Amino acid sequence: MGEIIIRLDRVMADRKISLNELSRQTGISTVNLSKLKNGHISAIRFSTLTSVCEALSCQPGDLLEYSPDDRGHELM
């Protein structure tokens, strides 16, 4: 099975915005944003995704990337 990779760190770097500033703009705690940024989450609320996209002027696809798992092909 593939996985979803979170690219928040890359988008933040492109926009030259800190975690503290993003927290201020979105109202999301720095702890929760840090967990999101480091991929230590198993789910994300659409309201959180919307707030981050609005603050960073980006699309959800800029933040989330699907990576297929190629091992499934080897097992066949």
PDB file of N, CA and C in Angstrom:
ATOM      1  N   MET A   1       0.846  -1.181   0.000  1.00  0.00           N
ATOM      2  CA  MET A   1       0.000   0.000   0.000  1.00  0.00           C
ATOM      3  C   MET A   1       0.889   1.242   0.000  1.00  0.00           C
ATOM      4  N   GLY A   2       0.460   2.248  -0.738  1.00  0.00           N
ATOM      5  CA  GLY A   2       1.212   3.492  -0.827  1.00  0.00           C
ATOM      6  C   GLY A   2       1.056   4.335   0.428  1.00  0.00           C
ATOM      7  N   GLU A   3       1.597   5.528   0.370  1.00  0.00           N
ATOM      8  CA  GLU A   3       1.502   6.426   1.508  1.00  0.00           C
ATOM      9  C   GLU A   3       1.328   7.862   1.045  1.00  0.00           C
ATOM     10  N   ILE A   4       0.792   8.682   1.935  1.00  0.00           N
ATOM     11  CA  ILE A   4       0.649  10.114   1.688  1.00  0.00           C
ATOM     12  C   ILE A   4       1.816  10.812   2.379  1.00  0.00           C
ATOM     13  N   ILE A   5       2.517  11.631   1.632  1.00  0.00           N
ATOM     14  CA  ILE A   5       3.650  12.391   2.166  1.00  0.00           C
ATOM     15  C   ILE A   5       3.210  13.841   2.307  1.00  0.00           C
ATOM     16  N   ILE A   6       3.499  14.417   3.446  1.00  0.00           N
ATOM     17  CA  ILE A   6       3.124  15.807   3.712  1.00  0.00           C
ATOM     18  C   ILE A   6       4.301  16.705   3.374  1.00  0.00           C
ATOM     19  N   ARG A   7       4.056  17.688   2.527  1.00  0.00           N
ATOM     20  CA  ARG A   7       5.096  18.608   2.041  1.00  0.00           C
ATOM     21  C   ARG A   7       4.961  20.011   2.626  1.00  0.00           C
ATOM     22  N   LEU A   8       4.414  20.112   3.823  1.00  0.00           N
ATOM     23  CA  LEU A   8       4.237  21.424   4.450  1.00  0.00           C
ATOM     24  C   LEU A   8       5.568  22.135   4.611  1.00  0.00           C
ATOM     25  N   ASP A   9       6.606  21.408   4.987  1.00  0.00           N
ATOM     26  CA  ASP A   9       7.914  22.036   5.175  1.00  0.00           C
ATOM     27  C   ASP A   9       8.413  22.693   3.900  1.00  0.00           C
ATOM     28  N   ARG A  10       8.218  22.037   2.766  1.00  0.00           N
ATOM     29  CA  ARG A  10       8.672  22.584   1.480  1.00  0.00           C
ATOM     30  C   ARG A  10       7.896  23.842   1.113  1.00  0.00           C
ATOM     31  N   VAL A  11       6.571  23.798   1.297  1.00  0.00           N
ATOM     32  CA  VAL A  11       5.744  24.959   0.962  1.00  0.00           C
ATOM     33  C   VAL A  11       6.080  26.126   1.890  1.00  0.00           C
ATOM     34  N   MET A  12       6.275  25.843   3.166  1.00  0.00           N
ATOM     35  CA  MET A  12       6.655  26.909   4.103  1.00  0.00           C
ATOM     36  C   MET A  12       7.991  27.533   3.713  1.00  0.00           C
ATOM     37  N   ALA A  13       8.945  26.717   3.321  1.00  0.00           N
ATOM     38  CA  ALA A  13      10.256  27.232   2.906  1.00  0.00           C
ATOM     39  C   ALA A  13      10.120  28.091   1.654  1.00  0.00           C
ATOM     40  N   ASP A  14       9.306  27.629   0.697  1.00  0.00           N
ATOM     41  CA  ASP A  14       9.087  28.410  -0.527  1.00  0.00           C
ATOM     42  C   ASP A  14       8.472  29.770  -0.222  1.00  0.00           C
ATOM     43  N   ARG A  15       7.575  29.811   0.768  1.00  0.00           N
ATOM     44  CA  ARG A  15       6.881  31.053   1.130  1.00  0.00           C
ATOM     45  C   ARG A  15       7.652  31.864   2.175  1.00  0.00           C
ATOM     46  N   LYS A  16       8.769  31.285   2.663  1.00  0.00           N
ATOM     47  CA  LYS A  16       9.598  31.935   3.691  1.00  0.00           C
ATOM     48  C   LYS A  16       8.761  32.319   4.913  1.00  0.00           C
ATOM     49  N   ILE A  17       8.008  31.338   5.423  1.00  0.00           N
ATOM     50  CA  ILE A  17       7.155  31.565   6.582  1.00  0.00           C
ATOM     51  C   ILE A  17       7.555  30.590   7.692  1.00  0.00           C
ATOM     52  N   SER A  18       7.600  31.077   8.898  1.00  0.00           N
ATOM     53  CA  SER A  18       7.972  30.239  10.036  1.00  0.00           C
ATOM     54  C   SER A  18       6.748  29.524  10.591  1.00  0.00           C
ATOM     55  N   LEU A  19       7.015  28.523  11.401  1.00  0.00           N
ATOM     56  CA  LEU A  19       5.944  27.793  12.061  1.00  0.00           C
ATOM     57  C   LEU A  19       5.145  28.718  12.968  1.00  0.00           C
ATOM     58  N   ASN A  20       5.838  29.604  13.669  1.00  0.00           N
ATOM     59  CA  ASN A  20       5.151  30.550  14.554  1.00  0.00           C
ATOM     60  C   ASN A  20       4.251  31.504  13.778  1.00  0.00           C
ATOM     61  N   GLU A  21       4.716  31.975  12.646  1.00  0.00           N
ATOM     62  CA  GLU A  21       3.908  32.882  11.825  1.00  0.00           C
ATOM     63  C   GLU A  21       2.707  32.149  11.236  1.00  0.00           C
ATOM     64  N   LEU A  22       2.918  30.931  10.771  1.00  0.00           N
ATOM     65  CA  LEU A  22       1.803  30.147  10.242  1.00  0.00           C
ATOM     66  C   LEU A  22       0.771  29.883  11.331  1.00  0.00           C
ATOM     67  N   SER A  23       1.233  29.604  12.522  1.00  0.00           N
ATOM     68  CA  SER A  23       0.339  29.402  13.658  1.00  0.00           C
ATOM     69  C   SER A  23      -0.476  30.660  13.930  1.00  0.00           C
ATOM     70  N   ARG A  24       0.179  31.804  13.896  1.00  0.00           N
ATOM     71  CA  ARG A  24      -0.504  33.069  14.139  1.00  0.00           C
ATOM     72  C   ARG A  24      -1.576  33.322  13.076  1.00  0.00           C
ATOM     73  N   GLN A  25      -1.246  33.040  11.825  1.00  0.00           N
ATOM     74  CA  GLN A  25      -2.184  33.306  10.728  1.00  0.00           C
ATOM     75  C   GLN A  25      -3.362  32.333  10.691  1.00  0.00           C
ATOM     76  N   THR A  26      -3.138  31.100  11.131  1.00  0.00           N
ATOM     77  CA  THR A  26      -4.181  30.074  11.026  1.00  0.00           C
ATOM     78  C   THR A  26      -4.955  29.857  12.321  1.00  0.00           C
ATOM     79  N   GLY A  27      -4.363  30.216  13.451  1.00  0.00           N
ATOM     80  CA  GLY A  27      -4.990  29.917  14.731  1.00  0.00           C
ATOM     81  C   GLY A  27      -4.774  28.476  15.164  1.00  0.00           C
ATOM     82  N   ILE A  28      -3.926  27.745  14.451  1.00  0.00           N
ATOM     83  CA  ILE A  28      -3.590  26.360  14.788  1.00  0.00           C
ATOM     84  C   ILE A  28      -2.321  26.387  15.639  1.00  0.00           C
ATOM     85  N   SER A  29      -2.308  25.609  16.702  1.00  0.00           N
ATOM     86  CA  SER A  29      -1.157  25.633  17.611  1.00  0.00           C
ATOM     87  C   SER A  29       0.118  25.210  16.892  1.00  0.00           C
ATOM     88  N   THR A  30       1.238  25.735  17.366  1.00  0.00           N
ATOM     89  CA  THR A  30       2.527  25.362  16.779  1.00  0.00           C
ATOM     90  C   THR A  30       2.796  23.875  16.978  1.00  0.00           C
ATOM     91  N   VAL A  31       2.324  23.313  18.078  1.00  0.00           N
ATOM     92  CA  VAL A  31       2.510  21.877  18.324  1.00  0.00           C
ATOM     93  C   VAL A  31       1.798  21.065  17.245  1.00  0.00           C
ATOM     94  N   ASN A  32       0.548  21.410  16.963  1.00  0.00           N
ATOM     95  CA  ASN A  32      -0.195  20.675  15.929  1.00  0.00           C
ATOM     96  C   ASN A  32       0.387  20.906  14.543  1.00  0.00           C
ATOM     97  N   LEU A  33       0.818  22.121  14.250  1.00  0.00           N
ATOM     98  CA  LEU A  33       1.448  22.378  12.959  1.00  0.00           C
ATOM     99  C   LEU A  33       2.767  21.623  12.831  1.00  0.00           C
ATOM    100  N   SER A  34       3.512  21.532  13.910  1.00  0.00           N
ATOM    101  CA  SER A  34       4.771  20.790  13.908  1.00  0.00           C
ATOM    102  C   SER A  34       4.523  19.307  13.631  1.00  0.00           C
ATOM    103  N   LYS A  35       3.493  18.745  14.263  1.00  0.00           N
ATOM    104  CA  LYS A  35       3.144  17.346  14.003  1.00  0.00           C
ATOM    105  C   LYS A  35       2.766  17.150  12.545  1.00  0.00           C
ATOM    106  N   LEU A  36       2.008  18.081  12.001  1.00  0.00           N
ATOM    107  CA  LEU A  36       1.622  18.015  10.597  1.00  0.00           C
ATOM    108  C   LEU A  36       2.850  18.121   9.699  1.00  0.00           C
ATOM    109  N   LYS A  37       3.697  19.077   9.987  1.00  0.00           N
ATOM    110  CA  LYS A  37       4.895  19.324   9.192  1.00  0.00           C
ATOM    111  C   LYS A  37       5.823  18.116   9.173  1.00  0.00           C
ATOM    112  N   ASN A  38       5.917  17.434  10.303  1.00  0.00           N
ATOM    113  CA  ASN A  38       6.827  16.290  10.418  1.00  0.00           C
ATOM    114  C   ASN A  38       6.170  14.959  10.071  1.00  0.00           C
ATOM    115  N   GLY A  39       4.905  14.999   9.661  1.00  0.00           N
ATOM    116  CA  GLY A  39       4.226  13.786   9.242  1.00  0.00           C
ATOM    117  C   GLY A  39       3.802  12.878  10.374  1.00  0.00           C
ATOM    118  N   HIS A  40       3.710  13.409  11.584  1.00  0.00           N
ATOM    119  CA  HIS A  40       3.330  12.621  12.747  1.00  0.00           C
ATOM    120  C   HIS A  40       1.822  12.688  13.005  1.00  0.00           C
ATOM    121  N   ILE A  41       1.055  12.534  11.940  1.00  0.00           N
ATOM    122  CA  ILE A  41      -0.400  12.541  12.047  1.00  0.00           C
ATOM    123  C   ILE A  41      -0.951  11.381  11.236  1.00  0.00           C
ATOM    124  N   SER A  42      -2.160  10.976  11.545  1.00  0.00           N
ATOM    125  CA  SER A  42      -2.799   9.923  10.766  1.00  0.00           C
ATOM    126  C   SER A  42      -4.034  10.448  10.038  1.00  0.00           C
ATOM    127  N   ALA A  43      -4.429  11.678  10.352  1.00  0.00           N
ATOM    128  CA  ALA A  43      -5.597  12.292   9.714  1.00  0.00           C
ATOM    129  C   ALA A  43      -5.461  13.806   9.794  1.00  0.00           C
ATOM    130  N   ILE A  44      -6.206  14.484   8.921  1.00  0.00           N
ATOM    131  CA  ILE A  44      -6.226  15.950   8.946  1.00  0.00           C
ATOM    132  C   ILE A  44      -7.658  16.407   8.667  1.00  0.00           C
ATOM    133  N   ARG A  45      -8.113  17.356   9.439  1.00  0.00           N
ATOM    134  CA  ARG A  45      -9.454  17.906   9.228  1.00  0.00           C
ATOM    135  C   ARG A  45      -9.423  18.832   8.012  1.00  0.00           C
ATOM    136  N   PHE A  46     -10.535  18.829   7.280  1.00  0.00           N
ATOM    137  CA  PHE A  46     -10.624  19.739   6.145  1.00  0.00           C
ATOM    138  C   PHE A  46     -10.507  21.190   6.586  1.00  0.00           C
ATOM    139  N   SER A  47     -10.999  21.526   7.766  1.00  0.00           N
ATOM    140  CA  SER A  47     -10.893  22.902   8.258  1.00  0.00           C
ATOM    141  C   SER A  47      -9.431  23.286   8.484  1.00  0.00           C
ATOM    142  N   THR A  48      -8.626  22.347   8.968  1.00  0.00           N
ATOM    143  CA  THR A  48      -7.192  22.597   9.153  1.00  0.00           C
ATOM    144  C   THR A  48      -6.519  22.780   7.811  1.00  0.00           C
ATOM    145  N   LEU A  49      -6.817  21.889   6.879  1.00  0.00           N
ATOM    146  CA  LEU A  49      -6.241  21.968   5.542  1.00  0.00           C
ATOM    147  C   LEU A  49      -6.627  23.274   4.854  1.00  0.00           C
ATOM    148  N   THR A  50      -7.881  23.686   5.018  1.00  0.00           N
ATOM    149  CA  THR A  50      -8.358  24.938   4.440  1.00  0.00           C
ATOM    150  C   THR A  50      -7.602  26.132   5.021  1.00  0.00           C
ATOM    151  N   SER A  51      -7.439  26.160   6.332  1.00  0.00           N
ATOM    152  CA  SER A  51      -6.729  27.273   6.987  1.00  0.00           C
ATOM    153  C   SER A  51      -5.286  27.375   6.525  1.00  0.00           C
ATOM    154  N   VAL A  52      -4.618  26.235   6.427  1.00  0.00           N
ATOM    155  CA  VAL A  52      -3.214  26.223   5.996  1.00  0.00           C
ATOM    156  C   VAL A  52      -3.115  26.667   4.531  1.00  0.00           C
ATOM    157  N   CYS A  53      -4.014  26.164   3.686  1.00  0.00           N
ATOM    158  CA  CYS A  53      -3.994  26.556   2.276  1.00  0.00           C
ATOM    159  C   CYS A  53      -4.260  28.052   2.103  1.00  0.00           C
ATOM    160  N   GLU A  54      -5.188  28.589   2.884  1.00  0.00           N
ATOM    161  CA  GLU A  54      -5.469  30.029   2.805  1.00  0.00           C
ATOM    162  C   GLU A  54      -4.255  30.847   3.231  1.00  0.00           C
ATOM    163  N   ALA A  55      -3.614  30.448   4.326  1.00  0.00           N
ATOM    164  CA  ALA A  55      -2.460  31.200   4.838  1.00  0.00           C
ATOM    165  C   ALA A  55      -1.267  31.122   3.883  1.00  0.00           C
ATOM    166  N   LEU A  56      -1.100  29.981   3.219  1.00  0.00           N
ATOM    167  CA  LEU A  56       0.054  29.794   2.345  1.00  0.00           C
ATOM    168  C   LEU A  56      -0.264  30.061   0.870  1.00  0.00           C
ATOM    169  N   SER A  57      -1.511  30.428   0.575  1.00  0.00           N
ATOM    170  CA  SER A  57      -1.939  30.648  -0.818  1.00  0.00           C
ATOM    171  C   SER A  57      -1.548  29.468  -1.699  1.00  0.00           C
ATOM    172  N   CYS A  58      -1.993  28.290  -1.298  1.00  0.00           N
ATOM    173  CA  CYS A  58      -1.662  27.084  -2.050  1.00  0.00           C
ATOM    174  C   CYS A  58      -2.876  26.179  -2.162  1.00  0.00           C
ATOM    175  N   GLN A  59      -2.718  25.110  -2.873  1.00  0.00           N
ATOM    176  CA  GLN A  59      -3.742  24.098  -3.046  1.00  0.00           C
ATOM    177  C   GLN A  59      -3.405  22.889  -2.171  1.00  0.00           C
ATOM    178  N   PRO A  60      -4.402  22.080  -1.794  1.00  0.00           N
ATOM    179  CA  PRO A  60      -4.115  20.873  -1.009  1.00  0.00           C
ATOM    180  C   PRO A  60      -3.064  19.977  -1.664  1.00  0.00           C
ATOM    181  N   GLY A  61      -3.089  19.913  -2.987  1.00  0.00           N
ATOM    182  CA  GLY A  61      -2.107  19.101  -3.708  1.00  0.00           C
ATOM    183  C   GLY A  61      -0.679  19.588  -3.563  1.00  0.00           C
ATOM    184  N   ASP A  62      -0.503  20.844  -3.176  1.00  0.00           N
ATOM    185  CA  ASP A  62       0.842  21.361  -2.914  1.00  0.00           C
ATOM    186  C   ASP A  62       1.374  20.821  -1.589  1.00  0.00           C
ATOM    187  N   LEU A  63       0.467  20.468  -0.692  1.00  0.00           N
ATOM    188  CA  LEU A  63       0.835  20.015   0.650  1.00  0.00           C
ATOM    189  C   LEU A  63       0.883  18.503   0.784  1.00  0.00           C
ATOM    190  N   LEU A  64       0.107  17.799  -0.040  1.00  0.00           N
ATOM    191  CA  LEU A  64      -0.022  16.350   0.076  1.00  0.00           C
ATOM    192  C   LEU A  64       0.428  15.676  -1.212  1.00  0.00           C
ATOM    193  N   GLU A  65       1.193  14.606  -1.063  1.00  0.00           N
ATOM    194  CA  GLU A  65       1.676  13.867  -2.223  1.00  0.00           C
ATOM    195  C   GLU A  65       1.481  12.380  -1.980  1.00  0.00           C
ATOM    196  N   TYR A  66       0.988  11.672  -2.983  1.00  0.00           N
ATOM    197  CA  TYR A  66       0.820  10.226  -2.883  1.00  0.00           C
ATOM    198  C   TYR A  66       2.053   9.535  -3.431  1.00  0.00           C
ATOM    199  N   SER A  67       2.578   8.587  -2.662  1.00  0.00           N
ATOM    200  CA  SER A  67       3.716   7.800  -3.095  1.00  0.00           C
ATOM    201  C   SER A  67       3.298   6.335  -3.133  1.00  0.00           C
ATOM    202  N   PRO A  68       3.211   5.754  -4.328  1.00  0.00           N
ATOM    203  CA  PRO A  68       2.811   4.346  -4.412  1.00  0.00           C
ATOM    204  C   PRO A  68       3.889   3.439  -3.849  1.00  0.00           C
ATOM    205  N   ASP A  69       3.459   2.289  -3.404  1.00  0.00           N
ATOM    206  CA  ASP A  69       4.392   1.281  -2.891  1.00  0.00           C
ATOM    207  C   ASP A  69       4.640   0.285  -4.005  1.00  0.00           C
ATOM    208  N   ASP A  70       5.854   0.235  -4.499  1.00  0.00           N
ATOM    209  CA  ASP A  70       6.197  -0.652  -5.618  1.00  0.00           C
ATOM    210  C   ASP A  70       6.384  -2.100  -5.190  1.00  0.00           C
ATOM    211  N   ARG A  71       6.422  -2.373  -3.896  1.00  0.00           N
ATOM    212  CA  ARG A  71       6.648  -3.742  -3.442  1.00  0.00           C
ATOM    213  C   ARG A  71       5.517  -4.674  -3.860  1.00  0.00           C
ATOM    214  N   GLY A  72       4.305  -4.157  -4.012  1.00  0.00           N
ATOM    215  CA  GLY A  72       3.177  -4.976  -4.398  1.00  0.00           C
ATOM    216  C   GLY A  72       3.394  -5.675  -5.730  1.00  0.00           C
ATOM    217  N   HIS A  73       4.125  -5.035  -6.626  1.00  0.00           N
ATOM    218  CA  HIS A  73       4.393  -5.623  -7.930  1.00  0.00           C
ATOM    219  C   HIS A  73       5.383  -6.773  -7.824  1.00  0.00           C
ATOM    220  N   GLU A  74       6.302  -6.725  -6.851  1.00  0.00           N
ATOM    221  CA  GLU A  74       7.289  -7.766  -6.679  1.00  0.00           C
ATOM    222  C   GLU A  74       6.671  -9.035  -6.135  1.00  0.00           C
ATOM    223  N   LEU A  75       5.567  -8.933  -5.399  1.00  0.00           N
ATOM    224  CA  LEU A  75       4.960 -10.093  -4.774  1.00  0.00           C
ATOM    225  C   LEU A  75       4.158 -10.924  -5.762  1.00  0.00           C
ATOM    226  N   MET A  76       3.830 -10.400  -6.906  1.00  0.00           N
ATOM    227  CA  MET A  76       2.991 -11.118  -7.867  1.00  0.00           C
ATOM    228  C   MET A  76       3.798 -12.101  -8.686  1.00  0.00           C
TER     229      MET A  76
END
